N, C-alpha and C. Protein backbone atom coordinates (compact mmCIF):
# COMPACT_ATOMS: atom_id res chain seq x y z
N MET A 1 1.34 -28.11 -29.72
CA MET A 1 0.49 -27.06 -29.22
C MET A 1 0.21 -27.29 -27.73
N GLU A 2 0.32 -26.23 -26.95
CA GLU A 2 0.10 -26.35 -25.51
C GLU A 2 -1.39 -26.45 -25.20
N THR A 3 -1.69 -27.18 -24.13
CA THR A 3 -3.08 -27.28 -23.69
C THR A 3 -3.28 -26.46 -22.42
N LEU A 4 -4.47 -26.01 -22.22
CA LEU A 4 -4.80 -25.23 -21.02
C LEU A 4 -4.87 -26.15 -19.81
N PRO A 5 -4.59 -25.60 -18.63
CA PRO A 5 -4.74 -26.41 -17.41
C PRO A 5 -6.22 -26.78 -17.21
N ASP A 6 -6.45 -27.82 -16.44
CA ASP A 6 -7.83 -28.24 -16.19
C ASP A 6 -8.55 -27.20 -15.31
N GLU A 7 -9.83 -27.37 -15.17
CA GLU A 7 -10.66 -26.39 -14.46
C GLU A 7 -10.22 -26.21 -13.01
N GLN A 8 -9.90 -27.30 -12.33
CA GLN A 8 -9.48 -27.21 -10.92
C GLN A 8 -8.21 -26.38 -10.79
N THR A 9 -7.26 -26.60 -11.68
CA THR A 9 -6.01 -25.83 -11.65
C THR A 9 -6.28 -24.36 -11.91
N MET A 10 -7.16 -24.08 -12.86
CA MET A 10 -7.51 -22.69 -13.17
C MET A 10 -8.18 -22.03 -11.97
N LEU A 11 -9.03 -22.76 -11.25
CA LEU A 11 -9.69 -22.21 -10.06
C LEU A 11 -8.67 -21.93 -8.96
N GLU A 12 -7.68 -22.81 -8.82
CA GLU A 12 -6.63 -22.59 -7.83
C GLU A 12 -5.80 -21.36 -8.18
N ILE A 13 -5.48 -21.20 -9.46
CA ILE A 13 -4.73 -20.02 -9.91
C ILE A 13 -5.54 -18.76 -9.66
N LEU A 14 -6.82 -18.81 -9.95
CA LEU A 14 -7.71 -17.66 -9.70
C LEU A 14 -7.73 -17.30 -8.22
N GLU A 15 -7.82 -18.30 -7.35
CA GLU A 15 -7.85 -18.05 -5.90
C GLU A 15 -6.53 -17.42 -5.45
N LEU A 16 -5.42 -17.92 -5.97
CA LEU A 16 -4.11 -17.33 -5.64
C LEU A 16 -4.03 -15.88 -6.10
N ALA A 17 -4.55 -15.61 -7.29
CA ALA A 17 -4.54 -14.24 -7.81
C ALA A 17 -5.39 -13.32 -6.94
N LYS A 18 -6.53 -13.81 -6.49
CA LYS A 18 -7.40 -13.01 -5.61
C LYS A 18 -6.70 -12.73 -4.28
N ASP A 19 -6.04 -13.74 -3.71
CA ASP A 19 -5.31 -13.55 -2.46
C ASP A 19 -4.18 -12.53 -2.64
N PHE A 20 -3.47 -12.64 -3.75
CA PHE A 20 -2.39 -11.71 -4.04
C PHE A 20 -2.92 -10.29 -4.17
N GLU A 21 -4.03 -10.13 -4.87
CA GLU A 21 -4.64 -8.80 -5.05
C GLU A 21 -5.05 -8.22 -3.71
N HIS A 22 -5.61 -9.04 -2.85
CA HIS A 22 -6.04 -8.58 -1.53
C HIS A 22 -4.83 -8.13 -0.70
N SER A 23 -3.78 -8.94 -0.71
CA SER A 23 -2.57 -8.60 0.04
C SER A 23 -1.94 -7.32 -0.49
N THR A 24 -1.91 -7.19 -1.79
CA THR A 24 -1.33 -6.00 -2.41
C THR A 24 -2.14 -4.76 -2.07
N ARG A 25 -3.46 -4.88 -2.07
CA ARG A 25 -4.31 -3.75 -1.71
C ARG A 25 -4.08 -3.33 -0.26
N GLU A 26 -3.98 -4.30 0.65
CA GLU A 26 -3.71 -3.98 2.05
C GLU A 26 -2.36 -3.29 2.22
N LEU A 27 -1.35 -3.78 1.53
CA LEU A 27 -0.02 -3.17 1.60
C LEU A 27 -0.06 -1.74 1.06
N SER A 28 -0.79 -1.54 0.00
CA SER A 28 -0.92 -0.20 -0.58
C SER A 28 -1.59 0.75 0.40
N GLU A 29 -2.64 0.28 1.07
CA GLU A 29 -3.34 1.12 2.04
C GLU A 29 -2.45 1.45 3.23
N GLN A 30 -1.68 0.48 3.69
CA GLN A 30 -0.75 0.73 4.80
C GLN A 30 0.33 1.72 4.39
N SER A 31 0.84 1.57 3.19
CA SER A 31 1.87 2.48 2.69
C SER A 31 1.33 3.90 2.57
N MET A 32 0.10 4.03 2.11
CA MET A 32 -0.51 5.34 1.98
C MET A 32 -0.69 5.98 3.35
N ALA A 33 -1.12 5.21 4.35
CA ALA A 33 -1.30 5.74 5.70
C ALA A 33 0.04 6.21 6.27
N ILE A 34 1.10 5.45 6.04
CA ILE A 34 2.42 5.85 6.51
C ILE A 34 2.87 7.13 5.81
N ALA A 35 2.67 7.21 4.51
CA ALA A 35 3.07 8.39 3.75
C ALA A 35 2.32 9.64 4.23
N ILE A 36 1.03 9.51 4.49
CA ILE A 36 0.24 10.64 4.97
C ILE A 36 0.72 11.08 6.35
N ALA A 37 0.97 10.13 7.23
CA ALA A 37 1.45 10.46 8.58
C ALA A 37 2.82 11.14 8.51
N TYR A 38 3.70 10.64 7.65
CA TYR A 38 5.03 11.23 7.50
C TYR A 38 4.93 12.64 6.93
N GLU A 39 4.08 12.81 5.93
CA GLU A 39 3.89 14.13 5.32
C GLU A 39 3.38 15.13 6.37
N LYS A 40 2.44 14.72 7.20
CA LYS A 40 1.91 15.57 8.26
C LYS A 40 3.01 15.94 9.25
N GLN A 41 3.82 14.97 9.63
CA GLN A 41 4.91 15.21 10.57
C GLN A 41 5.93 16.19 9.99
N VAL A 42 6.28 16.04 8.72
CA VAL A 42 7.23 16.95 8.08
C VAL A 42 6.64 18.35 8.02
N ARG A 43 5.38 18.46 7.64
CA ARG A 43 4.72 19.77 7.54
C ARG A 43 4.72 20.47 8.90
N GLU A 44 4.36 19.73 9.97
CA GLU A 44 4.33 20.32 11.30
C GLU A 44 5.74 20.74 11.74
N SER A 45 6.72 19.95 11.40
CA SER A 45 8.10 20.26 11.74
C SER A 45 8.55 21.53 11.03
N GLN A 46 8.19 21.66 9.76
CA GLN A 46 8.55 22.86 9.00
C GLN A 46 7.85 24.10 9.54
N GLU A 47 6.59 23.95 9.93
CA GLU A 47 5.86 25.08 10.50
C GLU A 47 6.49 25.52 11.81
N THR A 48 6.90 24.58 12.61
CA THR A 48 7.54 24.89 13.89
C THR A 48 8.86 25.62 13.67
N GLN A 49 9.62 25.18 12.70
CA GLN A 49 10.92 25.78 12.42
C GLN A 49 10.79 27.16 11.79
N SER A 50 9.72 27.42 11.07
CA SER A 50 9.57 28.70 10.39
C SER A 50 9.01 29.80 11.29
N LYS A 51 8.48 29.43 12.47
CA LYS A 51 7.96 30.44 13.40
C LYS A 51 9.14 31.13 14.08
N PRO A 52 9.05 32.44 14.25
CA PRO A 52 10.13 33.14 14.96
C PRO A 52 10.17 32.74 16.43
N ALA A 53 11.34 32.63 16.94
CA ALA A 53 11.52 32.25 18.34
C ALA A 53 11.13 33.40 19.24
N THR A 54 10.39 33.10 20.27
CA THR A 54 10.01 34.13 21.24
C THR A 54 10.73 33.84 22.55
N ILE A 55 11.34 34.85 23.06
CA ILE A 55 12.09 34.68 24.31
C ILE A 55 11.44 35.46 25.41
């Protein structure tokens, strides 16, 4: 039967998990900001292309 890691090891694993969660959250926020900026750029580009040309 397997035994659980000692308390110090469990605390280290918990700290690593917290760091990973923090990094993942930051990456998600950065990705969302990029997606929003790209979506805005595409929308503006489409609006510009759909306007009739005036000479």
